[in-house]
Protein backbone atom coordinates (compact mmCIF):
# COMPACT_ATOMS: atom_id res chain seq x y z
CA MET A 1 4.97 36.57 15.62
CA PRO A 2 4.00 33.79 18.04
CA THR A 3 5.92 33.71 21.26
CA ARG A 4 8.26 30.87 22.14
CA LYS A 5 5.79 29.66 24.75
CA VAL A 6 2.99 29.51 22.18
CA ARG A 7 5.21 27.65 19.72
CA THR A 8 6.19 25.15 22.41
CA ARG A 9 2.55 24.50 23.25
CA ALA A 10 1.77 24.04 19.56
CA TRP A 11 4.53 21.47 19.09
CA LEU A 12 3.55 19.63 22.27
CA GLY A 13 -0.04 19.53 21.06
CA ALA A 14 1.01 18.26 17.62
CA SER A 15 3.29 15.62 19.17
CA GLY A 16 0.50 14.46 21.46
CA LEU A 17 -1.92 14.24 18.54
CA LEU A 18 0.55 12.14 16.53
CA LEU A 19 1.16 9.82 19.48
CA VAL A 20 -2.55 9.35 20.23
CA THR A 21 -3.29 8.58 16.57
CA LEU A 22 -0.51 6.00 16.42
CA VAL A 23 -1.54 4.27 19.66
CA LEU A 24 -5.21 4.14 18.68
CA THR A 25 -4.36 2.69 15.27
CA LEU A 26 -2.03 0.08 16.74
CA SER A 27 -4.67 -0.94 19.27
CA ARG A 28 -7.07 -1.87 16.47
CA ALA A 29 -5.14 -5.09 15.77
CA MET A 30 -2.59 -5.56 18.56
CA ARG A 31 -1.99 -9.19 19.58
CA TRP A 32 0.80 -11.58 20.57
CA PRO A 33 3.04 -13.21 17.93
CA ASN A 34 1.40 -16.10 16.11
CA ASP A 35 2.95 -19.51 15.48
CA PHE A 36 4.13 -18.57 11.98
CA SER A 37 6.20 -15.64 13.26
CA GLU A 38 7.54 -17.64 16.21
CA ALA A 39 8.76 -20.35 13.84
CA HIS A 40 10.79 -17.81 11.86
CA TRP A 41 12.69 -16.73 14.98
CA LEU A 42 13.77 -20.36 15.43
CA LEU A 43 15.32 -20.55 11.97
CA ASP A 44 19.09 -20.10 11.77
CA TYR A 45 22.06 -21.30 9.71
CA ARG A 46 22.65 -24.61 11.50
CA PHE A 47 21.22 -26.54 8.55
CA GLY A 48 22.61 -24.32 5.79
CA PHE A 49 22.56 -20.76 4.48
CA VAL A 50 18.81 -20.24 4.18
CA LYS A 51 16.73 -17.15 3.47
CA ARG A 52 15.33 -15.41 6.59
CA GLY A 53 17.91 -17.15 8.76
CA LEU A 54 19.89 -14.13 9.97
CA ALA A 55 17.46 -12.89 12.63
CA GLY A 56 17.15 -16.34 14.21
CA GLN A 57 20.91 -16.84 13.99
CA ILE A 58 21.54 -13.62 15.90
CA LEU A 59 18.93 -14.59 18.52
CA SER A 60 20.20 -18.15 18.99
CA SER A 61 23.84 -16.98 19.16
CA ALA A 62 23.03 -14.28 21.72
CA LEU A 63 21.04 -16.66 23.91
CA GLY A 64 23.66 -19.37 23.48
CA LEU A 65 26.25 -17.17 25.17
CA GLY A 66 24.22 -17.56 28.35
CA GLY A 67 23.36 -21.20 27.79
CA ALA A 68 19.70 -20.38 27.05
CA GLU A 69 17.33 -21.19 24.21
CA PRO A 70 14.48 -19.23 22.61
CA THR A 71 11.15 -19.40 24.41
CA ALA A 72 7.70 -18.04 23.64
CA SER A 73 8.20 -15.35 26.29
CA ILE A 74 11.54 -14.25 24.85
CA ILE A 75 10.14 -14.07 21.33
CA SER A 76 7.10 -12.13 22.54
CA ALA A 77 9.29 -9.66 24.44
CA LEU A 78 11.50 -9.21 21.39
CA ALA A 79 8.44 -8.69 19.18
CA VAL A 80 7.04 -6.01 21.48
CA ALA A 81 10.43 -4.29 21.67
CA LEU A 82 10.67 -4.22 17.86
CA LEU A 83 7.15 -2.81 17.50
CA VAL A 84 7.93 -0.10 20.06
CA THR A 85 11.15 0.69 18.20
CA LEU A 86 9.34 0.85 14.86
CA SER A 87 6.70 3.12 16.39
CA GLY A 88 9.40 5.38 17.76
CA VAL A 89 11.11 5.60 14.38
CA LEU A 90 7.85 6.45 12.59
CA LEU A 91 6.96 9.09 15.19
CA TRP A 92 10.44 10.59 14.89
CA MET A 93 10.00 10.83 11.11
CA ALA A 94 6.59 12.47 11.54
CA TRP A 95 7.98 14.92 14.09
CA GLN A 96 10.89 15.81 11.78
CA LEU A 97 8.64 16.43 8.78
CA THR A 98 6.10 18.43 10.76
CA ARG A 99 8.73 20.51 12.52
CA SER A 100 10.71 21.38 9.38
CA ALA A 101 7.82 22.02 6.98
CA PRO A 102 7.02 25.64 6.08
CA GLN A 103 3.35 24.62 6.28
CA PRO A 104 3.32 22.53 9.48
CA GLY A 105 -0.47 22.19 9.42
CA VAL A 106 -0.41 20.45 6.04
CA ALA A 107 2.52 18.27 7.12
CA LEU A 108 0.71 17.35 10.33
CA LEU A 109 -2.39 16.38 8.36
CA ALA A 110 -0.28 14.17 6.05
CA ALA A 111 1.39 12.56 9.09
CA LEU A 112 -2.01 11.83 10.66
CA VAL A 113 -3.07 10.12 7.45
CA PHE A 114 -0.01 7.86 7.59
CA LEU A 115 -0.25 7.10 11.32
CA SER A 116 -3.93 6.09 10.93
CA SER A 117 -3.24 4.00 7.82
CA PRO A 118 -3.70 0.27 7.14
CA PHE A 119 0.08 -0.14 7.33
CA ILE A 120 0.06 0.79 11.02
CA VAL A 121 -2.89 -1.55 11.66
CA MET A 122 -1.07 -4.36 9.88
CA SER A 123 2.17 -3.64 11.76
CA ALA A 124 0.39 -4.30 15.06
CA HIS A 125 -1.32 -7.38 13.64
CA LEU A 126 1.97 -8.79 12.30
CA ILE A 127 3.83 -8.32 15.57
CA GLY A 128 6.72 -10.76 15.67
CA TYR A 129 7.04 -10.86 11.89
CA LEU A 130 10.28 -9.62 10.34
CA ASP A 131 8.55 -6.73 8.53
CA GLY A 132 9.25 -4.17 11.23
CA ILE A 133 12.99 -4.86 11.08
CA LEU A 134 12.97 -4.20 7.34
CA ILE A 135 11.36 -0.78 7.80
CA ILE A 136 13.73 0.18 10.62
CA LEU A 137 16.79 -0.86 8.61
CA SER A 138 15.47 0.84 5.48
CA VAL A 139 15.07 4.15 7.35
CA ALA A 140 18.60 3.75 8.72
CA ALA A 141 19.96 3.00 5.24
CA VAL A 142 18.28 6.03 3.70
CA ALA A 143 19.50 8.26 6.53
CA LEU A 144 23.07 7.07 5.97
CA MET A 145 22.78 7.63 2.22
CA LEU A 146 21.53 11.18 2.75
CA ARG A 147 24.49 11.79 5.07
CA GLY A 148 26.88 10.86 2.26
CA ARG A 149 27.76 7.36 3.52
CA PRO A 150 26.66 5.13 0.63
CA TRP A 151 28.72 2.06 1.56
CA ALA A 152 27.37 1.99 5.11
CA ALA A 153 23.84 2.60 3.78
CA CYS A 154 24.03 -0.28 1.32
CA ALA A 155 25.59 -2.58 3.91
CA VAL A 156 22.59 -1.94 6.17
CA GLN A 157 20.22 -2.65 3.28
CA ALA A 158 22.11 -5.85 2.46
CA THR A 159 21.57 -6.91 6.07
CA ALA A 160 17.86 -6.25 5.61
CA VAL A 161 17.86 -8.53 2.56
CA LEU A 162 19.39 -11.32 4.63
CA ILE A 163 16.75 -10.73 7.32
CA HIS A 164 13.98 -11.08 4.73
CA GLU A 165 14.33 -11.30 0.97
CA SER A 166 11.43 -8.88 0.38
CA ALA A 167 13.81 -6.03 1.34
CA VAL A 168 14.84 -6.05 -2.33
CA LEU A 169 11.43 -4.53 -3.09
CA VAL A 170 10.62 -3.04 0.34
CA GLY A 171 13.35 -0.50 1.03
CA LEU A 172 15.96 -0.91 -1.69
CA PRO A 173 14.03 1.11 -4.34
CA VAL A 174 13.70 4.01 -1.88
CA LEU A 175 17.43 3.72 -1.15
CA VAL A 176 18.02 4.10 -4.89
CA LEU A 177 15.86 7.24 -4.76
CA ALA A 178 17.98 8.54 -1.87
CA TRP A 179 21.15 7.79 -3.85
CA TRP A 180 19.78 9.70 -6.82
CA VAL A 181 18.97 12.86 -4.83
CA THR A 182 21.93 12.73 -2.44
CA PRO A 183 23.24 16.25 -1.88
CA GLY A 184 26.63 16.95 -3.38
CA GLN A 185 26.12 15.21 -6.71
CA ASP A 186 26.87 17.41 -9.71
CA GLY A 187 23.74 16.23 -11.51
CA ARG A 188 25.43 14.51 -14.44
CA LEU A 189 24.35 10.94 -15.12
CA GLN A 190 27.94 9.76 -15.54
CA SER A 191 28.86 11.16 -12.14
CA ARG A 192 25.86 9.51 -10.49
CA LEU A 193 26.65 6.12 -12.02
CA LYS A 194 30.19 6.27 -10.69
CA ARG A 195 28.70 6.51 -7.21
CA ALA A 196 26.40 3.51 -7.77
CA ALA A 197 28.94 0.81 -6.83
CA PRO A 198 27.68 0.41 -3.21
CA LEU A 199 24.22 -0.55 -4.51
CA VAL A 200 25.76 -3.85 -5.55
CA LEU A 201 25.85 -4.96 -1.89
CA PRO A 202 22.09 -5.58 -1.36
CA LEU A 203 21.83 -7.07 -4.85
CA ALA A 204 24.71 -9.44 -4.06
CA ALA A 205 22.98 -10.45 -0.82
CA PHE A 206 19.83 -11.28 -2.76
CA ALA A 207 21.83 -13.23 -5.36
CA ALA A 208 23.43 -15.23 -2.54
CA LEU A 209 19.97 -16.16 -1.24
CA VAL A 210 18.84 -17.24 -4.70
CA LEU A 211 21.89 -19.46 -5.14
CA SER A 212 21.72 -20.82 -1.59
CA ALA A 213 18.36 -22.46 -2.27
CA ARG A 214 20.16 -24.93 -4.52
CA ALA A 215 22.88 -25.59 -1.96
CA LEU A 216 20.62 -26.62 0.94
CA PRO A 217 21.00 -30.24 2.03
CA PRO A 218 18.38 -32.60 0.52
CA ASP A 219 16.94 -33.29 3.95
CA PHE A 220 16.77 -29.61 4.99
CA GLN A 221 12.98 -29.64 5.22
CA ASP A 222 12.97 -32.66 7.53
CA LEU A 223 15.82 -31.29 9.65
CA TYR A 224 14.14 -27.96 10.18
CA SER A 225 10.78 -29.63 10.85
CA GLN A 226 12.36 -31.79 13.55
CA HIS A 227 14.10 -28.75 14.99
CA LEU A 228 10.82 -26.83 15.26
CA GLY A 229 9.14 -29.88 16.76
CA ARG A 230 11.30 -29.45 19.85
CA TYR A 231 9.48 -26.21 20.69
CA THR A 232 6.01 -27.07 21.91
CA PHE A 233 4.82 -23.45 21.75
CA VAL A 234 4.95 -23.58 17.92
CA GLU A 235 1.54 -25.07 17.15
CA GLY A 236 -0.83 -25.33 14.22
CA ASP A 237 1.47 -27.66 12.23
CA MET A 238 3.81 -24.73 11.62
CA HIS A 239 6.74 -27.06 12.19
CA ILE A 240 5.67 -28.65 8.90
CA PHE A 241 4.26 -25.69 6.96
CA VAL A 242 7.12 -23.20 7.46
CA PRO A 243 9.86 -25.56 6.20
CA GLU A 244 7.65 -26.44 3.23
CA TRP A 245 7.39 -22.74 2.36
CA LEU A 246 11.08 -21.92 2.86
CA THR A 247 12.62 -24.88 1.04
CA PRO A 248 11.53 -24.17 -2.59
CA GLY A 249 13.51 -21.59 -4.54
CA PHE A 250 12.19 -18.27 -5.81
CA ALA A 251 11.60 -19.71 -9.29
CA GLN A 252 9.24 -22.35 -7.95
CA HIS A 253 7.22 -19.81 -5.94
CA PHE A 254 6.98 -17.64 -9.04
CA ALA A 255 5.80 -20.55 -11.18
CA GLU A 256 3.14 -21.46 -8.62
CA GLN A 257 1.80 -17.94 -7.96
CA LYS A 258 2.33 -15.82 -11.09
CA HIS A 259 -1.06 -16.73 -12.62
CA ARG A 260 -2.81 -14.83 -9.81
CA PHE A 261 -0.81 -11.63 -10.18
CA GLU A 262 -3.46 -9.75 -12.16
CA GLU A 263 -6.17 -10.72 -9.67
CA ARG A 264 -4.11 -9.49 -6.72
CA ILE A 265 -2.87 -6.29 -8.33
CA THR A 266 -6.43 -5.28 -9.24
CA CYS A 267 -8.03 -6.24 -5.90
CA GLU A 268 -10.72 -3.57 -5.49
CA ALA A 269 -10.89 -3.93 -1.71
CA CYS A 270 -7.13 -3.42 -1.40
CA LEU A 271 -7.11 -0.49 -3.81
CA GLY A 272 -9.88 1.24 -1.87
CA LEU A 273 -8.10 0.54 1.40
CA VAL A 274 -4.60 1.70 0.44
CA LEU A 275 -4.78 4.18 -2.44
CA PRO A 276 -6.29 7.14 -0.50
CA THR A 277 -3.30 7.21 1.84
CA VAL A 278 -0.74 6.48 -0.88
CA LEU A 279 -2.10 9.18 -3.20
CA THR A 280 -2.18 11.71 -0.36
CA LEU A 281 1.46 11.09 0.49
CA LEU A 282 2.58 11.11 -3.16
CA VAL A 283 0.70 14.30 -4.04
CA TRP A 284 2.01 16.01 -0.90
CA THR A 285 5.61 14.97 -1.65
CA ILE A 286 5.48 15.91 -5.32
CA ASP A 287 3.92 19.25 -4.48
CA VAL A 288 6.02 20.44 -1.55
CA CYS A 289 9.28 19.21 -3.10
CA ARG A 290 8.35 20.59 -6.51
CA VAL A 291 9.18 17.30 -8.20
CA ARG A 292 8.80 17.65 -11.92
CA THR A 293 6.19 15.25 -13.25
CA ARG A 294 8.43 14.26 -16.17
CA SER A 295 11.60 13.50 -14.28
CA ILE A 296 13.71 10.61 -13.10
CA THR A 297 13.02 11.57 -9.50
CA MET A 298 9.29 11.31 -10.12
CA ALA A 299 9.70 7.89 -11.72
CA LEU A 300 11.88 6.66 -8.85
CA LEU A 301 9.44 7.94 -6.23
CA VAL A 302 6.39 6.31 -7.82
CA GLY A 303 8.35 3.17 -8.69
CA ALA A 304 9.65 2.78 -5.14
CA THR A 305 6.12 3.24 -3.78
CA PHE A 306 4.61 0.47 -5.87
CA ALA A 307 7.65 -1.84 -6.21
CA PRO A 308 6.42 -4.09 -3.33
CA GLN A 309 3.41 -5.05 -5.47
CA LEU A 310 5.72 -7.19 -7.61
CA MET A 311 5.73 -9.63 -4.69
CA HIS A 312 2.22 -10.66 -5.74
CA MET A 313 3.91 -12.80 -8.40
CA ALA A 314 5.41 -15.07 -5.73
CA ALA A 315 3.43 -14.51 -2.50
CA TRP A 316 -0.22 -14.71 -1.56
CA ASP A 317 -0.72 -12.48 1.50
CA THR A 318 -2.34 -9.80 -0.64
CA VAL A 319 -3.46 -7.20 1.91
CA ARG A 320 -0.15 -7.31 3.75
CA ILE A 321 1.76 -6.66 0.51
CA TRP A 322 -0.53 -3.80 -0.48
CA THR A 323 0.13 -2.00 2.81
CA TYR A 324 3.87 -1.97 2.05
CA SER A 325 3.18 0.75 -0.52
CA VAL A 326 1.91 3.02 2.26
CA ALA A 327 5.20 2.62 4.12
CA MET A 328 7.25 3.21 0.96
CA ALA A 329 5.27 6.35 0.07
CA TRP A 330 5.97 7.66 3.57
CA LEU A 331 9.67 6.79 3.39
CA GLY A 332 9.85 8.38 -0.06
CA ALA A 333 8.33 11.59 1.29
CA TRP A 334 10.79 11.66 4.18
CA THR A 335 13.68 11.01 1.78
CA LEU A 336 12.94 13.86 -0.61
CA ILE A 337 11.99 16.40 2.04
CA ARG A 338 15.09 15.63 4.10
CA ALA A 339 17.28 15.77 0.99
CA HIS A 340 16.10 19.05 -0.50
CA GLY A 341 13.60 20.61 1.86
CA ALA A 342 10.08 21.70 0.94
CA SER A 343 8.51 24.77 -0.59
CA ALA A 344 5.56 26.51 1.06
CA THR A 345 3.04 25.94 -1.72
CA VAL A 346 0.61 23.04 -1.95
CA GLN A 347 -2.27 22.34 -4.27
CA SER A 348 -5.58 23.63 -3.00
CA GLY A 349 -7.11 20.17 -3.12
CA LEU A 350 -4.45 18.49 -1.00
CA ARG A 351 -6.15 19.24 2.31
CA THR A 352 -9.39 17.78 0.95
CA LEU A 353 -7.60 14.64 -0.26
CA ALA A 354 -5.78 14.24 3.06
CA PHE A 355 -8.88 14.68 5.20
CA ALA A 356 -10.82 12.22 3.01
CA ALA A 357 -7.99 9.68 3.32
CA LEU A 358 -8.02 10.04 7.11
CA VAL A 359 -11.76 9.45 7.21
CA VAL A 360 -11.35 6.34 5.03
CA ASN A 361 -8.63 5.02 7.36
CA VAL A 362 -10.95 5.39 10.35
CA LEU A 363 -14.09 4.04 8.69
CA VAL A 364 -12.68 1.07 6.77
CA ALA A 365 -11.50 -2.03 8.64
CA THR A 366 -8.24 -3.58 7.44
CA PRO A 367 -8.64 -7.29 6.54
CA LEU A 368 -6.45 -9.31 8.91
CA LEU A 369 -4.87 -12.77 8.89
CA ASP A 370 -5.73 -15.83 10.97
CA ASN A 371 -9.48 -15.08 10.87
CA GLN A 372 -8.86 -11.99 13.01
CA PHE A 373 -10.91 -8.79 12.82
CA ASP A 374 -10.58 -5.16 13.81
CA ARG A 375 -10.89 -4.97 17.58
CA TYR A 376 -13.29 -2.01 17.42
CA ALA A 377 -16.69 -1.82 15.78
CA LEU A 378 -17.35 1.16 13.54
CA THR A 379 -19.17 3.14 16.24
CA THR A 380 -16.35 2.54 18.71
CA ARG A 381 -13.74 3.61 16.15
CA LEU A 382 -15.61 6.84 15.49
CA LEU A 383 -15.78 7.61 19.21
CA LEU A 384 -12.11 6.81 19.82
CA PHE A 385 -10.88 8.76 16.80
CA ALA A 386 -13.28 11.69 17.33
CA PRO A 387 -10.54 13.97 18.79
CA VAL A 388 -8.23 13.09 15.90
CA LEU A 389 -10.92 13.76 13.32
CA ALA A 390 -11.82 17.03 15.02
CA ALA A 391 -8.20 18.17 14.97
CA ALA A 392 -7.89 17.08 11.32
CA LEU A 393 -11.02 19.02 10.46
CA ALA A 394 -9.51 22.13 12.03
CA LEU A 395 -6.37 21.62 9.95
CA PHE A 396 -8.51 21.07 6.87
CA LEU A 397 -10.37 24.33 7.41
CA ALA A 398 -7.27 26.31 8.36
CA ARG A 399 -6.18 29.06 6.02
CA ASP A 400 -2.96 28.42 4.12
CA PRO A 401 -0.14 30.85 4.86
CA GLU A 402 1.24 32.95 2.05
CA PRO A 403 3.78 31.07 -0.11
CA LEU A 404 7.44 31.87 0.39
CA PRO A 405 9.08 34.06 -2.23
CA ALA A 406 10.65 32.07 -5.04
CA HIS A 407 14.19 32.71 -3.81
CA GLU A 408 13.31 31.32 -0.34
CA ALA A 409 11.60 28.16 -1.48
CA SER A 410 13.49 24.88 -1.83
CA PRO A 411 12.61 23.33 -5.20
CA LEU A 412 13.93 19.88 -5.99
CA HIS A 413 16.41 20.37 -8.82
CA ASP A 414 16.18 17.41 -11.10
CA GLN A 415 16.86 16.22 -14.57
């Protein structure tokens, strides 16, 4: 048996490896908030109940207490704080999964795949966007659901919907998964459905946003454009473009974009970029949680992972949307493992799949917005990630421990 001192060193080494991987991946696309994200923080409810207005309303109300107004510096500081918070949450999840897994080496390898993924690159690139808030709130909602507090969980998710409407597809499906596997349920469908009432809250929030588009004043676009025009740091005609994008209802966006759904959902570059990580996380979760392949839990897990892709019917930022599935696969893994634990057995090919996914994440550059590119050339990336790849190779070559006896494993009981 390893001594306590050896175990401590092992966990410190694993934690350091996770942190280094995350920082290196973030540094590939780190920048300051762009004009599009800054404009969103200046949107509030002064001209009507509008989608994405809650974050700006909270900011303007908080600053108003001190007689101040939003500035580029304040928005940048807030954006950095949110990215640091998101990074802390993701590291905490990785540490929890690695620490509690009966095969910590496999769990660590899966965590390295996630922390080197295109989602992390895109999170740094989209600093100042509202995406990070959605992930943070979604993790909080799932944690509350797993603790047996469904009303609080769904209230948090409803708040996420008011922050950004995409939370209906980014977060809510995983919350439904958490509701389905919440400990303490007797397993009967009728009993589960009786506990589904809180899920109405985020759906009601989304319905309110849909209806509010019809209730905006006729001159909302002009009012918001004039409001943005007061802030000289919002450049690039964003004072015109952002109101034009926010004013139409969901039906109009769907009518304008739906014809490109098939093209976006079959984008070969995006599939090659995202699927290695997503498949690694799904296979790992299904395996260690013993999820039956013909089960409702399996359907909910896969559905929650790919639900964000439905946004392609109304939005055009294809790569950004594809990376959401990486985050949802990770949140789904955390949900099931925290709910029911993990067994000690994994498929023999999982290490190979995970190591290959990590190599893909390092070698392939994530397409960025605003004509931006990966900060590091391929050679530089290989040099920077060499310690991570070396550690991953050691994990890949490591011998699996013997599986736990059947009575000690933690299979996911499911219908």
